[in-house]
C-alpha atoms as a PDB file:
ATOM      1  CA  MET A   1    -108.960  80.117   9.823  1.00  0.00           C
ATOM      2  CA  LYS A   2    -109.208  81.703  13.280  1.00  0.00           C
ATOM      3  CA  PHE A   3    -110.530  80.476  16.576  1.00  0.00           C
ATOM      4  CA  ALA A   4    -114.031  81.854  17.148  1.00  0.00           C
ATOM      5  CA  PRO A   5    -114.594  83.994  20.267  1.00  0.00           C
ATOM      6  CA  THR A   6    -117.396  81.618  21.351  1.00  0.00           C
ATOM      7  CA  LEU A   7    -114.871  78.841  21.950  1.00  0.00           C
ATOM      8  CA  ALA A   8    -114.533  79.909  25.573  1.00  0.00           C
ATOM      9  CA  ALA A   9    -117.950  78.369  26.190  1.00  0.00           C
ATOM     10  CA  ALA A  10    -116.660  75.028  24.885  1.00  0.00           C
ATOM     11  CA  LEU A  11    -113.681  74.770  27.215  1.00  0.00           C
ATOM     12  CA  LEU A  12    -113.006  71.260  28.460  1.00  0.00           C
ATOM     13  CA  VAL A  13    -111.182  71.334  31.808  1.00  0.00           C
ATOM     14  CA  ALA A  14    -109.322  68.350  33.201  1.00  0.00           C
ATOM     15  CA  ALA A  15    -109.082  69.198  36.900  1.00  0.00           C
ATOM     16  CA  PRO A  16    -106.128  66.973  37.890  1.00  0.00           C
ATOM     17  CA  LEU A  17    -103.932  68.539  35.226  1.00  0.00           C
ATOM     18  CA  GLN A  18    -105.546  71.992  35.251  1.00  0.00           C
ATOM     19  CA  ALA A  19    -105.591  71.815  31.446  1.00  0.00           C
ATOM     20  CA  ALA A  20    -108.125  73.620  29.274  1.00  0.00           C
ATOM     21  CA  VAL A  21    -108.774  72.558  25.675  1.00  0.00           C
ATOM     22  CA  LEU A  22    -110.105  74.886  22.970  1.00  0.00           C
ATOM     23  CA  GLU A  23    -111.404  73.266  19.799  1.00  0.00           C
ATOM     24  CA  THR A  24    -112.316  74.522  16.310  1.00  0.00           C
ATOM     25  CA  GLU A  25    -114.683  73.151  13.738  1.00  0.00           C
ATOM     26  CA  ALA A  26    -113.021  70.982  11.109  1.00  0.00           C
ATOM     27  CA  HIS A  27    -112.081  72.621   7.798  1.00  0.00           C
ATOM     28  CA  THR A  28    -112.627  70.526   4.665  1.00  0.00           C
ATOM     29  CA  PHE A  29    -111.043  70.869   1.225  1.00  0.00           C
ATOM     30  CA  PRO A  30    -112.136  68.967  -1.916  1.00  0.00           C
ATOM     31  CA  VAL A  31    -109.341  67.185  -3.799  1.00  0.00           C
ATOM     32  CA  SER A  32    -109.001  64.996  -6.879  1.00  0.00           C
ATOM     33  CA  LYS A  33    -107.289  61.611  -7.076  1.00  0.00           C
ATOM     34  CA  ASN A  34    -104.224  63.312  -8.614  1.00  0.00           C
ATOM     35  CA  HIS A  35    -103.831  66.021  -5.989  1.00  0.00           C
ATOM     36  CA  ARG A  36    -100.766  66.456  -3.816  1.00  0.00           C
ATOM     37  CA  VAL A  37    -100.991  67.799  -0.267  1.00  0.00           C
ATOM     38  CA  ARG A  38     -98.445  69.938   1.569  1.00  0.00           C
ATOM     39  CA  ILE A  39     -98.715  71.096   5.175  1.00  0.00           C
ATOM     40  CA  GLU A  40     -96.528  73.458   7.202  1.00  0.00           C
ATOM     41  CA  PHE A  41     -97.000  72.988  10.930  1.00  0.00           C
ATOM     42  CA  PRO A  42     -94.593  74.982  13.125  1.00  0.00           C
ATOM     43  CA  VAL A  43     -94.783  73.569  16.655  1.00  0.00           C
ATOM     44  CA  GLY A  44     -96.922  71.045  18.483  1.00  0.00           C
ATOM     45  CA  GLU A  45     -98.431  67.626  17.909  1.00  0.00           C
ATOM     46  CA  LEU A  46     -99.615  66.538  14.470  1.00  0.00           C
ATOM     47  CA  ARG A  47    -101.373  63.336  13.470  1.00  0.00           C
ATOM     48  CA  VAL A  48    -102.046  62.359   9.853  1.00  0.00           C
ATOM     49  CA  VAL A  49    -104.697  59.713   9.209  1.00  0.00           C
ATOM     50  CA  PRO A  50    -106.637  58.426   6.170  1.00  0.00           C
ATOM     51  CA  SER A  51    -109.850  60.078   4.965  1.00  0.00           C
ATOM     52  CA  ASP A  52    -112.259  59.242   2.167  1.00  0.00           C
ATOM     53  CA  GLY A  53    -111.147  59.623  -1.430  1.00  0.00           C
ATOM     54  CA  SER A  54    -112.428  63.127  -2.150  1.00  0.00           C
ATOM     55  CA  HIS A  55    -111.647  65.400   0.804  1.00  0.00           C
ATOM     56  CA  VAL A  56    -108.822  66.612   3.018  1.00  0.00           C
ATOM     57  CA  ARG A  57    -109.936  67.626   6.497  1.00  0.00           C
ATOM     58  CA  PHE A  58    -107.975  69.545   9.145  1.00  0.00           C
ATOM     59  CA  GLU A  59    -108.901  69.708  12.830  1.00  0.00           C
ATOM     60  CA  LEU A  60    -107.175  71.865  15.415  1.00  0.00           C
ATOM     61  CA  ARG A  61    -107.217  71.984  19.194  1.00  0.00           C
ATOM     62  CA  VAL A  62    -105.211  73.998  21.707  1.00  0.00           C
ATOM     63  CA  ARG A  63    -104.335  72.686  25.155  1.00  0.00           C
ATOM     64  CA  CYS A  64    -103.405  75.158  27.884  1.00  0.00           C
ATOM     65  CA  ARG A  65    -101.831  74.189  31.175  1.00  0.00           C
ATOM     66  CA  SER A  66    -102.286  77.580  32.721  1.00  0.00           C
ATOM     67  CA  HIS A  67    -104.427  79.353  35.282  1.00  0.00           C
ATOM     68  CA  ASN A  68    -104.954  82.241  32.836  1.00  0.00           C
ATOM     69  CA  GLU A  69    -107.629  80.919  30.471  1.00  0.00           C
ATOM     70  CA  ALA A  70    -108.238  84.369  28.982  1.00  0.00           C
ATOM     71  CA  ARG A  71    -104.591  84.600  27.940  1.00  0.00           C
ATOM     72  CA  CYS A  72    -104.780  81.114  26.453  1.00  0.00           C
ATOM     73  CA  GLU A  73    -107.824  82.035  24.372  1.00  0.00           C
ATOM     74  CA  GLU A  74    -106.140  85.252  23.270  1.00  0.00           C
ATOM     75  CA  LEU A  75    -103.153  83.277  21.931  1.00  0.00           C
ATOM     76  CA  ALA A  76    -105.446  80.702  20.304  1.00  0.00           C
ATOM     77  CA  ASN A  77    -107.427  83.380  18.496  1.00  0.00           C
ATOM     78  CA  ARG A  78    -104.270  84.579  16.782  1.00  0.00           C
ATOM     79  CA  LEU A  79    -103.744  81.266  15.012  1.00  0.00           C
ATOM     80  CA  ARG A  80    -104.604  81.207  11.313  1.00  0.00           C
ATOM     81  CA  LEU A  81    -104.778  78.379   8.782  1.00  0.00           C
ATOM     82  CA  ASP A  82    -103.768  79.668   5.350  1.00  0.00           C
ATOM     83  CA  SER A  83    -104.705  77.528   2.367  1.00  0.00           C
ATOM     84  CA  ASP A  84    -104.298  77.623  -1.381  1.00  0.00           C
ATOM     85  CA  ASP A  85    -104.833  75.121  -4.160  1.00  0.00           C
ATOM     86  CA  LYS A  86    -102.608  75.718  -7.175  1.00  0.00           C
ATOM     87  CA  GLY A  87    -101.160  73.423  -9.806  1.00  0.00           C
ATOM     88  CA  GLY A  88    -102.757  70.349  -8.285  1.00  0.00           C
ATOM     89  CA  THR A  89    -101.216  70.939  -4.836  1.00  0.00           C
ATOM     90  CA  LEU A  90    -103.299  71.785  -1.769  1.00  0.00           C
ATOM     91  CA  HIS A  91    -101.044  73.818   0.533  1.00  0.00           C
ATOM     92  CA  LEU A  92    -102.010  74.308   4.176  1.00  0.00           C
ATOM     93  CA  LYS A  93     -99.992  76.463   6.578  1.00  0.00           C
ATOM     94  CA  LEU A  94    -100.633  77.082  10.250  1.00  0.00           C
ATOM     95  CA  ASP A  95     -99.513  80.650  10.918  1.00  0.00           C
ATOM     96  CA  ASN A  96     -99.274  83.213  13.721  1.00  0.00           C
ATOM     97  CA  TYR A  97     -98.046  80.712  16.306  1.00  0.00           C
ATOM     98  CA  PRO A  98     -97.032  82.657  19.455  1.00  0.00           C
ATOM     99  CA  LYS A  99     -93.250  82.806  19.727  1.00  0.00           C
ATOM    100  CA  TRP A 100     -93.064  84.309  23.215  1.00  0.00           C
ATOM    101  CA  ASN A 101     -94.872  83.803  26.524  1.00  0.00           C
ATOM    102  CA  ASN A 102     -96.398  80.541  25.313  1.00  0.00           C
ATOM    103  CA  LYS A 103     -95.497  78.278  28.225  1.00  0.00           C
ATOM    104  CA  GLY A 104     -98.070  75.516  28.578  1.00  0.00           C
ATOM    105  CA  PHE A 105     -99.589  76.347  25.164  1.00  0.00           C
ATOM    106  CA  THR A 106     -99.750  73.255  22.916  1.00  0.00           C
ATOM    107  CA  VAL A 107    -101.259  73.085  19.439  1.00  0.00           C
ATOM    108  CA  MET A 108    -102.646  69.693  18.374  1.00  0.00           C
ATOM    109  CA  GLY A 109    -103.606  69.101  14.748  1.00  0.00           C
ATOM    110  CA  VAL A 110    -105.196  66.167  12.939  1.00  0.00           C
ATOM    111  CA  LEU A 111    -104.924  66.036   9.143  1.00  0.00           C
ATOM    112  CA  HIS A 112    -107.183  63.592   7.288  1.00  0.00           C
ATOM    113  CA  VAL A 113    -105.811  62.756   3.821  1.00  0.00           C
ATOM    114  CA  PRO A 114    -107.073  60.308   1.166  1.00  0.00           C
ATOM    115  CA  PRO A 115    -104.586  57.420   1.521  1.00  0.00           C
ATOM    116  CA  ALA A 116    -103.405  57.328  -2.106  1.00  0.00           C
ATOM    117  CA  LEU A 117    -102.415  61.025  -2.299  1.00  0.00           C
ATOM    118  CA  ALA A 118     -98.812  62.228  -2.088  1.00  0.00           C
ATOM    119  CA  LEU A 119     -98.087  64.213   1.069  1.00  0.00           C
ATOM    120  CA  LYS A 120     -95.302  66.564   2.111  1.00  0.00           C
ATOM    121  CA  VAL A 121     -94.985  67.581   5.785  1.00  0.00           C
ATOM    122  CA  GLU A 122     -92.766  70.447   6.958  1.00  0.00           C
ATOM    123  CA  MET A 123     -92.694  70.693  10.720  1.00  0.00           C
ATOM    124  CA  GLY A 124     -90.529  72.694  13.096  1.00  0.00           C
ATOM    125  CA  VAL A 125     -90.677  71.192  16.581  1.00  0.00           C
ATOM    126  CA  GLY A 126     -92.903  68.537  18.083  1.00  0.00           C
ATOM    127  CA  GLN A 127     -94.332  65.080  17.644  1.00  0.00           C
ATOM    128  CA  LEU A 128     -95.577  63.665  14.349  1.00  0.00           C
ATOM    129  CA  GLU A 129     -97.547  60.496  13.746  1.00  0.00           C
ATOM    130  CA  VAL A 130     -98.591  59.295  10.273  1.00  0.00           C
ATOM    131  CA  THR A 131    -100.689  56.158   9.794  1.00  0.00           C
ATOM    132  CA  GLY A 132    -102.493  54.443   6.954  1.00  0.00           C
ATOM    133  CA  LEU A 133    -101.203  56.430   3.943  1.00  0.00           C
ATOM    134  CA  GLU A 134    -100.183  54.597   0.772  1.00  0.00           C
ATOM    135  CA  GLY A 135     -98.874  57.355  -1.535  1.00  0.00           C
ATOM    136  CA  ASP A 136     -95.526  59.149  -1.687  1.00  0.00           C
ATOM    137  CA  LEU A 137     -94.565  60.685   1.643  1.00  0.00           C
ATOM    138  CA  ASP A 138     -91.899  63.336   2.267  1.00  0.00           C
ATOM    139  CA  VAL A 139     -91.430  64.491   5.879  1.00  0.00           C
ATOM    140  CA  ASP A 140     -89.010  67.045   7.322  1.00  0.00           C
ATOM    141  CA  LEU A 141     -89.091  67.574  11.105  1.00  0.00           C
ATOM    142  CA  GLY A 142     -86.595  69.927  12.738  1.00  0.00           C
ATOM    143  CA  VAL A 143     -86.653  68.733  16.351  1.00  0.00           C
ATOM    144  CA  GLY A 144     -88.777  66.010  17.903  1.00  0.00           C
ATOM    145  CA  GLU A 145     -90.048  62.519  17.208  1.00  0.00           C
ATOM    146  CA  ALA A 146     -91.668  61.149  14.056  1.00  0.00           C
ATOM    147  CA  ASP A 147     -93.405  57.797  13.711  1.00  0.00           C
ATOM    148  CA  ILE A 148     -94.777  56.629  10.345  1.00  0.00           C
ATOM    149  CA  ARG A 149     -96.808  53.484   9.709  1.00  0.00           C
ATOM    150  CA  THR A 150     -97.286  52.524   6.089  1.00  0.00           C
ATOM    151  CA  SER A 151     -98.104  49.509   3.932  1.00  0.00           C
ATOM    152  CA  ARG A 152     -95.172  47.253   3.084  1.00  0.00           C
ATOM    153  CA  THR A 153     -96.917  46.087  -0.091  1.00  0.00           C
ATOM    154  CA  ARG A 154     -97.537  49.661  -1.335  1.00  0.00           C
ATOM    155  CA  ALA A 155     -94.025  50.961  -0.680  1.00  0.00           C
ATOM    156  CA  HIS A 156     -91.070  50.742  -3.042  1.00  0.00           C
ATOM    157  CA  HIS A 157     -88.312  52.723  -1.309  1.00  0.00           C
ATOM    158  CA  VAL A 158     -87.993  54.001   2.268  1.00  0.00           C
ATOM    159  CA  SER A 159     -85.301  56.392   3.477  1.00  0.00           C
ATOM    160  CA  VAL A 160     -84.979  57.548   7.099  1.00  0.00           C
ATOM    161  CA  ASP A 161     -82.242  59.809   8.465  1.00  0.00           C
ATOM    162  CA  THR A 162     -81.460  61.967  11.481  1.00  0.00           C
ATOM    163  CA  GLY A 163     -78.827  64.593  12.213  1.00  0.00           C
ATOM    164  CA  ILE A 164     -78.689  63.611  15.892  1.00  0.00           C
ATOM    165  CA  GLY A 165     -80.773  60.633  16.982  1.00  0.00           C
ATOM    166  CA  ASP A 166     -81.938  57.210  15.853  1.00  0.00           C
ATOM    167  CA  ALA A 167     -83.249  56.362  12.375  1.00  0.00           C
ATOM    168  CA  THR A 168     -85.182  53.096  12.312  1.00  0.00           C
ATOM    169  CA  ILE A 169     -87.115  51.015   9.804  1.00  0.00           C
ATOM    170  CA  ARG A 170     -89.177  48.206  11.314  1.00  0.00           C
ATOM    171  CA  GLY A 171     -90.588  45.364   9.252  1.00  0.00           C
ATOM    172  CA  GLY A 172     -88.072  45.619   6.417  1.00  0.00           C
ATOM    173  CA  GLY A 173     -86.249  42.431   7.365  1.00  0.00           C
ATOM    174  CA  SER A 174     -82.896  41.646   5.800  1.00  0.00           C
ATOM    175  CA  GLY A 175     -83.460  44.247   3.070  1.00  0.00           C
ATOM    176  CA  THR A 176     -82.858  47.102   5.517  1.00  0.00           C
ATOM    177  CA  GLU A 177     -79.517  48.902   5.543  1.00  0.00           C
ATOM    178  CA  ARG A 178     -78.452  51.109   8.435  1.00  0.00           C
ATOM    179  CA  HIS A 179     -75.377  53.142   9.307  1.00  0.00           C
ATOM    180  CA  GLY A 180     -74.367  56.213  11.271  1.00  0.00           C
ATOM    181  CA  PHE A 181     -72.708  57.342  14.499  1.00  0.00           C
ATOM    182  CA  ILE A 182     -74.045  60.633  15.888  1.00  0.00           C
ATOM    183  CA  GLY A 183     -76.796  60.776  13.309  1.00  0.00           C
ATOM    184  CA  SER A 184     -78.028  57.723  11.476  1.00  0.00           C
ATOM    185  CA  HIS A 185     -79.523  56.608   8.193  1.00  0.00           C
ATOM    186  CA  ALA A 186     -81.666  53.626   7.302  1.00  0.00           C
ATOM    187  CA  SER A 187     -82.968  52.586   3.902  1.00  0.00           C
ATOM    188  CA  TRP A 188     -85.084  49.847   2.370  1.00  0.00           C
ATOM    189  CA  SER A 189     -85.686  49.204  -1.320  1.00  0.00           C
ATOM    190  CA  ALA A 190     -87.241  45.756  -1.416  1.00  0.00           C
ATOM    191  CA  GLY A 191     -90.846  46.829  -1.694  1.00  0.00           C
ATOM    192  CA  PRO A 192     -93.205  45.598  -4.439  1.00  0.00           C
ATOM    193  CA  GLY A 193     -95.191  48.829  -4.515  1.00  0.00           C
ATOM    194  CA  ARG A 194     -94.630  52.261  -6.071  1.00  0.00           C
ATOM    195  CA  ALA A 195     -94.605  54.693  -3.124  1.00  0.00           C
ATOM    196  CA  SER A 196     -91.519  56.516  -1.890  1.00  0.00           C
ATOM    197  CA  VAL A 197     -91.233  57.342   1.818  1.00  0.00           C
ATOM    198  CA  LYS A 198     -88.646  59.908   2.957  1.00  0.00           C
ATOM    199  CA  LEU A 199     -88.320  60.915   6.597  1.00  0.00           C
ATOM    200  CA  HIS A 200     -85.757  63.385   7.947  1.00  0.00           C
ATOM    201  CA  VAL A 201     -85.462  64.527  11.566  1.00  0.00           C
ATOM    202  CA  GLY A 202     -82.790  67.070  12.472  1.00  0.00           C
ATOM    203  CA  VAL A 203     -82.607  66.271  16.182  1.00  0.00           C
ATOM    204  CA  GLY A 204     -84.632  63.390  17.592  1.00  0.00           C
ATOM    205  CA  ASP A 205     -85.867  59.943  16.665  1.00  0.00           C
ATOM    206  CA  ALA A 206     -87.338  58.876  13.321  1.00  0.00           C
ATOM    207  CA  THR A 207     -89.158  55.588  12.766  1.00  0.00           C
ATOM    208  CA  VAL A 208     -90.942  54.025   9.789  1.00  0.00           C
ATOM    209  CA  ARG A 209     -92.949  50.876  10.451  1.00  0.00           C
ATOM    210  CA  LEU A 210     -93.830  48.646   7.483  1.00  0.00           C
ATOM    211  CA  ASP A 211     -97.030  46.755   8.215  1.00  0.00           C
END
C-alpha cells in the first residue's frame, strides 16, 4: 500500500498547531474465525479495536508538524503496507518508514480485528492502545507506552513486564503478583476464560486493565 499522490488535496490543516494530516483509504482483509493476525509497526501511534467477525481493516494517517508540506507528502508516499496470508496467519508490515530527516513526521495506524482472533503486535517505538479484544494477545514494544484493555471473564493468564519502567495489571485484585526494581513484572492467573495476554515493553510503561 502506498499513499496516493492525490492525498495533497485532502490535507487537513490545524492552524494553531500548524499540523497537516494525510489520510489513506482503509485496506480490508477477509479472515476466518480460526485466523491469527500479526502486525509489525515500526514507529508511531497504533490503536487496535474490535471489528466484525469476518474482516481485518487497517487505516493509516500521517501527521506533519512542518512548514514543508511537499516534503511531508514525499515521505508519506514512501510508506508501504506489505501483507501476506499463509498458514492461517494474516501478516501485515508497515515498511519504508523514513529513518532520517523525519522530525515532526508521525504515523498513526488503526487496526480493526475481530475480537476473538489471536493477535501478535511487534512495535519499535511509540504508543500502543488495544481495547475490546478477547483472544490471545502477544505484544512486544521496544520503547514507549502500551495500554491494553481486555475482558476479565475471557482471560485466563496475564503477564506484563518491562526492562525499565512500570508493569501494571489493574482489576486483578488479590490474584495479582508484582515484583521488580529497575524493570518490573506483574502476573495474574485467576481468570475463568481461556485467553493468554502477554505484554513486554523494553523501556517505558506497560499496563493491562481487566474490565
